[in-house]
Every structure is written in structure tokens, then in C-alpha cells.
C-alpha atoms as a PDB file:
ATOM      1  CA  UNK A   1      -3.113  18.744   6.118  1.00  0.00           C
ATOM      2  CA  UNK A   2      -0.287  21.182   5.399  1.00  0.00           C
ATOM      3  CA  UNK A   3       0.851  22.408   2.018  1.00  0.00           C
ATOM      4  CA  UNK A   4       2.094  19.806  -0.465  1.00  0.00           C
ATOM      5  CA  UNK A   5       5.879  19.506  -0.278  1.00  0.00           C
ATOM      6  CA  UNK A   6       7.776  19.530  -3.568  1.00  0.00           C
ATOM      7  CA  UNK A   7      10.916  17.440  -3.188  1.00  0.00           C
ATOM      8  CA  UNK A   8      14.351  18.624  -4.340  1.00  0.00           C
ATOM      9  CA  UNK A   9      16.687  16.444  -6.406  1.00  0.00           C
ATOM     10  CA  UNK A  10      18.618  15.400  -3.293  1.00  0.00           C
ATOM     11  CA  UNK A  11      15.406  14.600  -1.422  1.00  0.00           C
ATOM     12  CA  UNK A  12      14.186  12.526  -4.361  1.00  0.00           C
ATOM     13  CA  UNK A  13      17.463  10.598  -4.361  1.00  0.00           C
ATOM     14  CA  UNK A  14      16.974   9.878  -0.642  1.00  0.00           C
ATOM     15  CA  UNK A  15      13.401   8.705  -1.212  1.00  0.00           C
ATOM     16  CA  UNK A  16      14.509   6.552  -4.135  1.00  0.00           C
ATOM     17  CA  UNK A  17      17.060   4.883  -1.838  1.00  0.00           C
ATOM     18  CA  UNK A  18      14.421   4.190   0.826  1.00  0.00           C
ATOM     19  CA  UNK A  19      12.015   2.922  -1.816  1.00  0.00           C
ATOM     20  CA  UNK A  20      14.470   0.428  -3.237  1.00  0.00           C
ATOM     21  CA  UNK A  21      15.384  -0.772   0.248  1.00  0.00           C
ATOM     22  CA  UNK A  22      11.692  -1.426   0.854  1.00  0.00           C
ATOM     23  CA  UNK A  23      11.466  -3.309  -2.447  1.00  0.00           C
ATOM     24  CA  UNK A  24      14.351  -5.462  -1.163  1.00  0.00           C
ATOM     25  CA  UNK A  25      12.337  -6.220   1.974  1.00  0.00           C
ATOM     26  CA  UNK A  26       9.447  -7.606  -0.073  1.00  0.00           C
ATOM     27  CA  UNK A  27      11.843  -9.738  -2.113  1.00  0.00           C
ATOM     28  CA  UNK A  28      13.503 -11.097   1.041  1.00  0.00           C
ATOM     29  CA  UNK A  29      10.188 -12.041   2.695  1.00  0.00           C
ATOM     30  CA  UNK A  30       8.768 -13.976  -0.285  1.00  0.00           C
ATOM     31  CA  UNK A  31      10.016 -17.406   0.880  1.00  0.00           C
ATOM     32  CA  UNK A  32       8.506 -17.079   4.357  1.00  0.00           C
ATOM     33  CA  UNK A  33       4.984 -15.932   3.417  1.00  0.00           C
ATOM     34  CA  UNK A  34       3.317 -19.336   3.189  1.00  0.00           C
ATOM     35  CA  UNK A  35       0.696 -21.458   4.939  1.00  0.00           C
ATOM     36  CA  UNK A  36       1.569 -22.391   8.504  1.00  0.00           C
ATOM     37  CA  UNK A  37       3.477 -19.191   9.215  1.00  0.00           C
ATOM     38  CA  UNK A  38       2.064 -16.725  11.735  1.00  0.00           C
ATOM     39  CA  UNK A  39       1.739 -13.063  10.889  1.00  0.00           C
ATOM     40  CA  UNK A  40       3.940 -12.305  13.899  1.00  0.00           C
ATOM     41  CA  UNK A  41       6.700 -14.468  12.419  1.00  0.00           C
ATOM     42  CA  UNK A  42       6.529 -12.367   9.258  1.00  0.00           C
ATOM     43  CA  UNK A  43       6.611  -9.193  11.336  1.00  0.00           C
ATOM     44  CA  UNK A  44       9.658 -10.377  13.273  1.00  0.00           C
ATOM     45  CA  UNK A  45      11.484 -11.320  10.069  1.00  0.00           C
ATOM     46  CA  UNK A  46      10.740  -7.932   8.514  1.00  0.00           C
ATOM     47  CA  UNK A  47      11.834  -6.093  11.656  1.00  0.00           C
ATOM     48  CA  UNK A  48      15.135  -7.957  11.744  1.00  0.00           C
ATOM     49  CA  UNK A  49      15.779  -7.535   8.033  1.00  0.00           C
ATOM     50  CA  UNK A  50      15.125  -3.793   8.040  1.00  0.00           C
ATOM     51  CA  UNK A  51      17.166  -3.136  11.165  1.00  0.00           C
ATOM     52  CA  UNK A  52      20.034  -5.627  10.852  1.00  0.00           C
ATOM     53  CA  UNK A  53      20.450  -6.195   7.115  1.00  0.00           C
ATOM     54  CA  UNK A  54      19.591  -2.715   5.839  1.00  0.00           C
ATOM     55  CA  UNK A  55      20.490  -0.576   8.859  1.00  0.00           C
ATOM     56  CA  UNK A  56      17.197   1.218   8.363  1.00  0.00           C
ATOM     57  CA  UNK A  57      14.136   1.759  10.566  1.00  0.00           C
ATOM     58  CA  UNK A  58      10.629   0.237  10.409  1.00  0.00           C
ATOM     59  CA  UNK A  59       8.807   3.561  10.257  1.00  0.00           C
ATOM     60  CA  UNK A  60       5.468   2.287  11.561  1.00  0.00           C
ATOM     61  CA  UNK A  61       6.905   1.343  14.968  1.00  0.00           C
ATOM     62  CA  UNK A  62       5.858   4.135  17.302  1.00  0.00           C
ATOM     63  CA  UNK A  63       3.690   5.870  14.687  1.00  0.00           C
ATOM     64  CA  UNK A  64       0.387   6.748  16.417  1.00  0.00           C
ATOM     65  CA  UNK A  65       1.426   4.339  19.163  1.00  0.00           C
ATOM     66  CA  UNK A  66       1.647   1.323  16.842  1.00  0.00           C
ATOM     67  CA  UNK A  67       4.087  -1.379  17.996  1.00  0.00           C
ATOM     68  CA  UNK A  68       4.909  -3.396  14.881  1.00  0.00           C
ATOM     69  CA  UNK A  69       6.837  -3.181  11.606  1.00  0.00           C
ATOM     70  CA  UNK A  70       3.866  -4.045   9.427  1.00  0.00           C
ATOM     71  CA  UNK A  71       0.123  -4.426   9.112  1.00  0.00           C
ATOM     72  CA  UNK A  72      -1.109  -7.947   8.354  1.00  0.00           C
ATOM     73  CA  UNK A  73      -4.611  -8.005   6.834  1.00  0.00           C
ATOM     74  CA  UNK A  74      -6.102 -11.434   6.081  1.00  0.00           C
ATOM     75  CA  UNK A  75      -9.179 -12.156   3.945  1.00  0.00           C
ATOM     76  CA  UNK A  76     -11.970  -9.788   5.084  1.00  0.00           C
ATOM     77  CA  UNK A  77      -9.566  -7.417   6.869  1.00  0.00           C
ATOM     78  CA  UNK A  78      -9.344  -4.304   4.710  1.00  0.00           C
ATOM     79  CA  UNK A  79      -6.353  -2.710   6.431  1.00  0.00           C
ATOM     80  CA  UNK A  80      -4.452  -2.152   9.697  1.00  0.00           C
ATOM     81  CA  UNK A  81      -4.494  -5.789  10.802  1.00  0.00           C
ATOM     82  CA  UNK A  82      -2.234  -6.352  13.808  1.00  0.00           C
ATOM     83  CA  UNK A  83       0.313  -9.195  13.539  1.00  0.00           C
ATOM     84  CA  UNK A  84      -0.241 -12.046  15.993  1.00  0.00           C
ATOM     85  CA  UNK A  85       1.466 -15.293  16.915  1.00  0.00           C
ATOM     86  CA  UNK A  86      -1.994 -16.867  16.977  1.00  0.00           C
ATOM     87  CA  UNK A  87      -2.908 -15.749  13.461  1.00  0.00           C
ATOM     88  CA  UNK A  88      -1.496 -18.424  11.159  1.00  0.00           C
ATOM     89  CA  UNK A  89      -1.817 -18.276   7.369  1.00  0.00           C
ATOM     90  CA  UNK A  90      -4.138 -20.924   5.953  1.00  0.00           C
ATOM     91  CA  UNK A  91      -3.911 -22.747   2.638  1.00  0.00           C
ATOM     92  CA  UNK A  92      -6.738 -20.718   1.070  1.00  0.00           C
ATOM     93  CA  UNK A  93      -6.057 -17.277   2.550  1.00  0.00           C
ATOM     94  CA  UNK A  94      -5.116 -13.992   0.975  1.00  0.00           C
ATOM     95  CA  UNK A  95      -3.056 -11.612   3.104  1.00  0.00           C
ATOM     96  CA  UNK A  96      -1.836  -8.059   2.667  1.00  0.00           C
ATOM     97  CA  UNK A  97       1.403  -6.957   4.294  1.00  0.00           C
ATOM     98  CA  UNK A  98       1.811  -3.170   4.478  1.00  0.00           C
ATOM     99  CA  UNK A  99       5.316  -1.981   5.389  1.00  0.00           C
ATOM    100  CA  UNK A 100       7.009   1.409   5.837  1.00  0.00           C
ATOM    101  CA  UNK A 101      10.763   1.979   5.956  1.00  0.00           C
ATOM    102  CA  UNK A 102      12.777   5.057   6.882  1.00  0.00           C
ATOM    103  CA  UNK A 103      16.381   5.572   5.835  1.00  0.00           C
ATOM    104  CA  UNK A 104      18.340   8.807   5.882  1.00  0.00           C
ATOM    105  CA  UNK A 105      15.318  10.689   7.171  1.00  0.00           C
ATOM    106  CA  UNK A 106      12.950   9.718   4.324  1.00  0.00           C
ATOM    107  CA  UNK A 107      10.132   7.191   4.325  1.00  0.00           C
ATOM    108  CA  UNK A 108       8.855   4.736   1.712  1.00  0.00           C
ATOM    109  CA  UNK A 109       5.522   2.922   1.980  1.00  0.00           C
ATOM    110  CA  UNK A 110       4.324  -0.131   0.065  1.00  0.00           C
ATOM    111  CA  UNK A 111       2.084  -3.171   0.386  1.00  0.00           C
ATOM    112  CA  UNK A 112       1.359  -6.430  -1.396  1.00  0.00           C
ATOM    113  CA  UNK A 113      -1.448  -8.958  -1.202  1.00  0.00           C
ATOM    114  CA  UNK A 114      -0.211 -12.547  -1.236  1.00  0.00           C
ATOM    115  CA  UNK A 115      -2.289 -15.483  -2.466  1.00  0.00           C
ATOM    116  CA  UNK A 116      -1.963 -18.825  -0.684  1.00  0.00           C
ATOM    117  CA  UNK A 117      -1.841 -21.989  -2.831  1.00  0.00           C
ATOM    118  CA  UNK A 118      -5.447 -23.130  -2.406  1.00  0.00           C
ATOM    119  CA  UNK A 119      -7.115 -19.707  -2.604  1.00  0.00           C
ATOM    120  CA  UNK A 120     -10.292 -19.696  -4.687  1.00  0.00           C
ATOM    121  CA  UNK A 121     -10.477 -18.352  -8.210  1.00  0.00           C
ATOM    122  CA  UNK A 122     -12.722 -15.583  -6.876  1.00  0.00           C
ATOM    123  CA  UNK A 123     -10.026 -14.562  -4.397  1.00  0.00           C
ATOM    124  CA  UNK A 124      -7.350 -14.627  -7.091  1.00  0.00           C
ATOM    125  CA  UNK A 125      -9.469 -12.471  -9.375  1.00  0.00           C
ATOM    126  CA  UNK A 126     -10.012  -9.918  -6.610  1.00  0.00           C
ATOM    127  CA  UNK A 127      -6.279  -9.666  -5.872  1.00  0.00           C
ATOM    128  CA  UNK A 128      -5.363  -9.363  -9.539  1.00  0.00           C
ATOM    129  CA  UNK A 129      -7.989  -6.690 -10.171  1.00  0.00           C
ATOM    130  CA  UNK A 130      -6.910  -4.728  -7.098  1.00  0.00           C
ATOM    131  CA  UNK A 131      -3.384  -4.677  -8.522  1.00  0.00           C
ATOM    132  CA  UNK A 132      -4.601  -3.588 -11.946  1.00  0.00           C
ATOM    133  CA  UNK A 133      -6.728  -0.853 -10.370  1.00  0.00           C
ATOM    134  CA  UNK A 134      -3.590   0.507  -8.680  1.00  0.00           C
ATOM    135  CA  UNK A 135      -1.700   0.317 -11.976  1.00  0.00           C
ATOM    136  CA  UNK A 136      -4.489   2.207 -13.765  1.00  0.00           C
ATOM    137  CA  UNK A 137      -4.203   4.961 -11.177  1.00  0.00           C
ATOM    138  CA  UNK A 138      -0.411   5.119 -11.372  1.00  0.00           C
ATOM    139  CA  UNK A 139      -0.461   5.378 -15.172  1.00  0.00           C
ATOM    140  CA  UNK A 140      -2.493   8.590 -15.028  1.00  0.00           C
ATOM    141  CA  UNK A 141       0.241  10.363 -13.041  1.00  0.00           C
ATOM    142  CA  UNK A 142       2.005  13.137 -14.956  1.00  0.00           C
ATOM    143  CA  UNK A 143       2.449  16.901 -14.602  1.00  0.00           C
ATOM    144  CA  UNK A 144      -0.856  18.633 -15.311  1.00  0.00           C
ATOM    145  CA  UNK A 145      -3.085  15.667 -14.543  1.00  0.00           C
ATOM    146  CA  UNK A 146      -5.212  15.816 -11.398  1.00  0.00           C
ATOM    147  CA  UNK A 147      -5.772  13.633  -8.388  1.00  0.00           C
ATOM    148  CA  UNK A 148      -9.333  13.187  -9.603  1.00  0.00           C
ATOM    149  CA  UNK A 149      -7.908  11.469 -12.698  1.00  0.00           C
ATOM    150  CA  UNK A 150      -6.036   9.025 -10.468  1.00  0.00           C
ATOM    151  CA  UNK A 151      -9.102   8.203  -8.399  1.00  0.00           C
ATOM    152  CA  UNK A 152     -11.370   7.901 -11.422  1.00  0.00           C
ATOM    153  CA  UNK A 153      -9.044   5.433 -13.168  1.00  0.00           C
ATOM    154  CA  UNK A 154      -8.887   3.230 -10.066  1.00  0.00           C
ATOM    155  CA  UNK A 155     -12.630   3.359  -9.455  1.00  0.00           C
ATOM    156  CA  UNK A 156     -13.487   2.680 -13.100  1.00  0.00           C
ATOM    157  CA  UNK A 157     -11.346  -0.452 -13.300  1.00  0.00           C
ATOM    158  CA  UNK A 158     -12.525  -1.866  -9.972  1.00  0.00           C
ATOM    159  CA  UNK A 159     -16.221  -1.240 -10.570  1.00  0.00           C
ATOM    160  CA  UNK A 160     -16.172  -2.506 -14.155  1.00  0.00           C
ATOM    161  CA  UNK A 161     -14.692  -5.730 -12.795  1.00  0.00           C
ATOM    162  CA  UNK A 162     -17.579  -5.987 -10.316  1.00  0.00           C
ATOM    163  CA  UNK A 163     -15.856  -4.781  -7.156  1.00  0.00           C
ATOM    164  CA  UNK A 164     -16.125  -1.774  -4.853  1.00  0.00           C
ATOM    165  CA  UNK A 165     -13.498   0.725  -3.669  1.00  0.00           C
ATOM    166  CA  UNK A 166     -13.185   1.557   0.028  1.00  0.00           C
ATOM    167  CA  UNK A 167     -13.658   5.304   0.577  1.00  0.00           C
ATOM    168  CA  UNK A 168     -12.777   5.747   4.245  1.00  0.00           C
ATOM    169  CA  UNK A 169      -9.035   5.312   3.622  1.00  0.00           C
ATOM    170  CA  UNK A 170      -6.786   6.906   1.043  1.00  0.00           C
ATOM    171  CA  UNK A 171      -3.252   7.376  -0.213  1.00  0.00           C
ATOM    172  CA  UNK A 172      -1.156  10.254   1.081  1.00  0.00           C
ATOM    173  CA  UNK A 173       1.831  12.442   0.517  1.00  0.00           C
ATOM    174  CA  UNK A 174       5.047  11.058   1.963  1.00  0.00           C
ATOM    175  CA  UNK A 175       8.612  12.180   2.619  1.00  0.00           C
ATOM    176  CA  UNK A 176      10.198  13.029   5.951  1.00  0.00           C
ATOM    177  CA  UNK A 177       6.795  12.303   7.460  1.00  0.00           C
ATOM    178  CA  UNK A 178       4.809   9.157   6.786  1.00  0.00           C
ATOM    179  CA  UNK A 179       1.644  11.142   6.163  1.00  0.00           C
ATOM    180  CA  UNK A 180       1.943  14.447   4.317  1.00  0.00           C
ATOM    181  CA  UNK A 181      -0.376  16.364   2.001  1.00  0.00           C
ATOM    182  CA  UNK A 182      -2.138  15.599  -0.270  1.00  0.00           C
ATOM    183  CA  UNK A 183      -4.785  12.989   0.416  1.00  0.00           C
ATOM    184  CA  UNK A 184      -5.041  10.658  -2.594  1.00  0.00           C
ATOM    185  CA  UNK A 185      -8.575   9.333  -2.980  1.00  0.00           C
ATOM    186  CA  UNK A 186      -9.153   6.099  -4.889  1.00  0.00           C
ATOM    187  CA  UNK A 187     -12.345   7.369  -6.493  1.00  0.00           C
ATOM    188  CA  UNK A 188     -13.136  10.658  -8.191  1.00  0.00           C
ATOM    189  CA  UNK A 189     -14.008  12.638 -11.297  1.00  0.00           C
ATOM    190  CA  UNK A 190     -11.594  13.393 -14.148  1.00  0.00           C
ATOM    191  CA  UNK A 191     -10.168  16.908 -14.223  1.00  0.00           C
ATOM    192  CA  UNK A 192     -10.878  17.611 -10.562  1.00  0.00           C
ATOM    193  CA  UNK A 193      -8.697  17.907  -7.502  1.00  0.00           C
ATOM    194  CA  UNK A 194      -5.097  18.930  -7.037  1.00  0.00           C
ATOM    195  CA  UNK A 195      -3.045  19.411 -10.214  1.00  0.00           C
ATOM    196  CA  UNK A 196       0.108  17.286 -10.131  1.00  0.00           C
ATOM    197  CA  UNK A 197       3.567  18.879 -10.345  1.00  0.00           C
ATOM    198  CA  UNK A 198       7.067  17.430 -10.690  1.00  0.00           C
ATOM    199  CA  UNK A 199       8.630  16.635  -7.336  1.00  0.00           C
ATOM    200  CA  UNK A 200       5.421  15.548  -5.622  1.00  0.00           C
ATOM    201  CA  UNK A 201       5.635  12.188  -3.830  1.00  0.00           C
ATOM    202  CA  UNK A 202       2.633  10.228  -2.592  1.00  0.00           C
ATOM    203  CA  UNK A 203       1.215   6.747  -2.215  1.00  0.00           C
ATOM    204  CA  UNK A 204      -1.445   5.094  -4.325  1.00  0.00           C
ATOM    205  CA  UNK A 205      -2.983   2.225  -2.319  1.00  0.00           C
ATOM    206  CA  UNK A 206      -6.523   1.200  -3.313  1.00  0.00           C
ATOM    207  CA  UNK A 207      -8.463  -1.189  -1.096  1.00  0.00           C
ATOM    208  CA  UNK A 208     -10.864  -3.202  -3.239  1.00  0.00           C
ATOM    209  CA  UNK A 209     -13.734  -5.277  -1.829  1.00  0.00           C
ATOM    210  CA  UNK A 210     -15.770  -8.166  -3.219  1.00  0.00           C
ATOM    211  CA  UNK A 211     -19.044  -6.782  -1.909  1.00  0.00           C
ATOM    212  CA  UNK A 212     -19.903  -3.601  -0.066  1.00  0.00           C
ATOM    213  CA  UNK A 213     -17.303  -0.837   0.086  1.00  0.00           C
ATOM    214  CA  UNK A 214     -18.247  -0.115   3.689  1.00  0.00           C
ATOM    215  CA  UNK A 215     -15.762  -0.719   6.492  1.00  0.00           C
ATOM    216  CA  UNK A 216     -15.978  -1.299  10.246  1.00  0.00           C
ATOM    217  CA  UNK A 217     -13.239  -0.814  12.830  1.00  0.00           C
ATOM    218  CA  UNK A 218     -12.865  -3.551  15.432  1.00  0.00           C
ATOM    219  CA  UNK A 219     -12.612  -3.099  19.193  1.00  0.00           C
ATOM    220  CA  UNK A 220      -8.783  -3.132  19.120  1.00  0.00           C
ATOM    221  CA  UNK A 221      -8.964   0.310  17.487  1.00  0.00           C
ATOM    222  CA  UNK A 222      -6.838  -0.753  14.517  1.00  0.00           C
ATOM    223  CA  UNK A 223      -8.245  -3.684  12.541  1.00  0.00           C
ATOM    224  CA  UNK A 224     -10.669  -2.667   9.780  1.00  0.00           C
ATOM    225  CA  UNK A 225     -12.957  -5.310   8.240  1.00  0.00           C
ATOM    226  CA  UNK A 226     -15.581  -5.433   5.504  1.00  0.00           C
ATOM    227  CA  UNK A 227     -19.105  -5.069   6.844  1.00  0.00           C
ATOM    228  CA  UNK A 228     -20.399  -8.093   4.917  1.00  0.00           C
ATOM    229  CA  UNK A 229     -17.506 -10.512   5.440  1.00  0.00           C
ATOM    230  CA  UNK A 230     -16.423 -10.318   1.808  1.00  0.00           C
ATOM    231  CA  UNK A 231     -12.765 -10.465   0.892  1.00  0.00           C
ATOM    232  CA  UNK A 232     -10.665  -7.317   0.492  1.00  0.00           C
ATOM    233  CA  UNK A 233      -7.363  -6.846  -1.334  1.00  0.00           C
ATOM    234  CA  UNK A 234      -4.899  -3.965  -1.411  1.00  0.00           C
ATOM    235  CA  UNK A 235      -1.687  -2.984  -3.186  1.00  0.00           C
ATOM    236  CA  UNK A 236       0.437   0.100  -2.601  1.00  0.00           C
ATOM    237  CA  UNK A 237       3.387   1.910  -4.130  1.00  0.00           C
ATOM    238  CA  UNK A 238       5.156   5.190  -3.414  1.00  0.00           C
ATOM    239  CA  UNK A 239       5.072   7.408  -6.510  1.00  0.00           C
ATOM    240  CA  UNK A 240       7.126  10.375  -7.716  1.00  0.00           C
ATOM    241  CA  UNK A 241       5.755  12.849 -10.247  1.00  0.00           C
ATOM    242  CA  UNK A 242       8.567  13.390 -12.772  1.00  0.00           C
ATOM    243  CA  UNK A 243       8.972  16.032 -15.484  1.00  0.00           C
ATOM    244  CA  UNK A 244       7.216  13.787 -18.000  1.00  0.00           C
ATOM    245  CA  UNK A 245       5.243  11.222 -16.023  1.00  0.00           C
ATOM    246  CA  UNK A 246       5.872   9.075 -12.971  1.00  0.00           C
ATOM    247  CA  UNK A 247       8.454   6.936 -11.238  1.00  0.00           C
ATOM    248  CA  UNK A 248       7.493   4.087  -8.902  1.00  0.00           C
ATOM    249  CA  UNK A 249       9.974   4.508  -6.067  1.00  0.00           C
ATOM    250  CA  UNK A 250       9.089   1.136  -4.480  1.00  0.00           C
ATOM    251  CA  UNK A 251       9.080  -0.882  -7.718  1.00  0.00           C
ATOM    252  CA  UNK A 252       9.904  -4.564  -7.163  1.00  0.00           C
ATOM    253  CA  UNK A 253      12.543  -6.453  -9.139  1.00  0.00           C
ATOM    254  CA  UNK A 254      10.943  -7.689 -12.371  1.00  0.00           C
ATOM    255  CA  UNK A 255       7.813  -5.563 -11.922  1.00  0.00           C
ATOM    256  CA  UNK A 256       6.755  -3.431 -14.891  1.00  0.00           C
ATOM    257  CA  UNK A 257       4.101  -0.709 -14.588  1.00  0.00           C
END
């Protein structure tokens, strides 16, 4: 990857605007993410909302040849699930929707794992602990801390709760490009890795598995599943390093980190 890009005040304002638009997308889609709805229906809603309501662009469309506004990852799918009209949410499923949005030349990236009404307690615990692992990582972000601190905090929480952290995929710098430097690993050792500086923007997006951390890519070239069929959950936010700590640029209404 190239050198880490420190954002100016005007660039940060632009990213903040994109981030809050993306938070609005997640709020708008809440009523439609329910059993009986296909992942393609969710994709089509998100596409229309971003383009027509927000006058923005679904940044994933065309990225690496991808055709859709989101990834839809159900149950044992770790990431990069492709939306389908034939893939309908069940009463006991968990599903992650990962969405990117570009407005004014700057991109925001976020995801959420939704729990269907009859999901098991084990599934609910996994989703909740994946969220808390992300929060633990975010709370380490401040000038002078290191990316190893972020990864260690995520790994420690997940493993103490009895889960594993996927290592093949990571967070990333973000700005005018969806994927910039640095790579943000979700495991690590304290005091190691890149030192954080004000103006850095990147995603934190741990993928947490019930069983093995290992992943396998399916024949479609996109969908990534657990090797043992265990459930996987993911959450993601776009983060800014501020002068004294962090700002979550994609923070949802009512969410406190």
C-alpha cells in the first residue's frame, strides 16, 4: 500500500458528511431487514436510497468488478456475500450488511450484523461480542497509540469470550479511495505497528467466529465462509484519529461508543 494519507480539516468535514449519510442509510433500512425479505430486496432498497434520497453513490458498485451496493453475509458467511433474490432471511438467521457510500469524492464504510427474532442465544452472544470487540478496538484509538494496540484489544475481548478472530481480512485506510493505507489487523501485540496520528482515517471491522478462525472462499470468487460451518459476525465503523482520541464518522443515531 501507499503512504498513509493525513486528512485536512476540509477533507475530514467531507468524510464526516459521507459517514453521517451512511449512518442514515442504516437507519432507513431497519424496517425492511426482517424474515421473508431477500438480500437482493435489501440491496435494491439501499441502492435506491443512496442514489435517489441522498444523491450519493454506492461506492462498492464497480469496485473490483463488484455489481451491488452491499455485501450480504448470512450465518456462516464471514464476508463478501453476494445479494440474491433467492436468498431469503429466515427466522433464526443472523446477517451482516456491509455498505460503502461516496459523496463529494469521499467514501465511508460501515457494517452491521442483524439478529432475526428466533436466533439462538449462542448466535446473539456471538453478535454482541463481535460488537464489543470492535468497540474495544475503537476505544484504544488516540494519537501515540499503535495499530497493534487496536488489534490486541479486539483479539483479547473475542478470545476471552471464547471466539476466534479471522486473520485473512482486515480494516483499511479510507478517504478518496475505498482502500488506502494502512492495513488494520484485528489481532496484534500492544506497542507494535504504525503509530497513530491526528487526521488518519481508517475502518475497524473485526470478523468474529464461533469456532475456527479459518476462512474459505467459494467458487463465485467473492463469498467467504467459515471452514467448520460455525457462525460468524462482523461490525464495522469508519474512524478518525483526533487530537485527543477518536471520532466515529459512521456513528448511528443513539449509538454511544
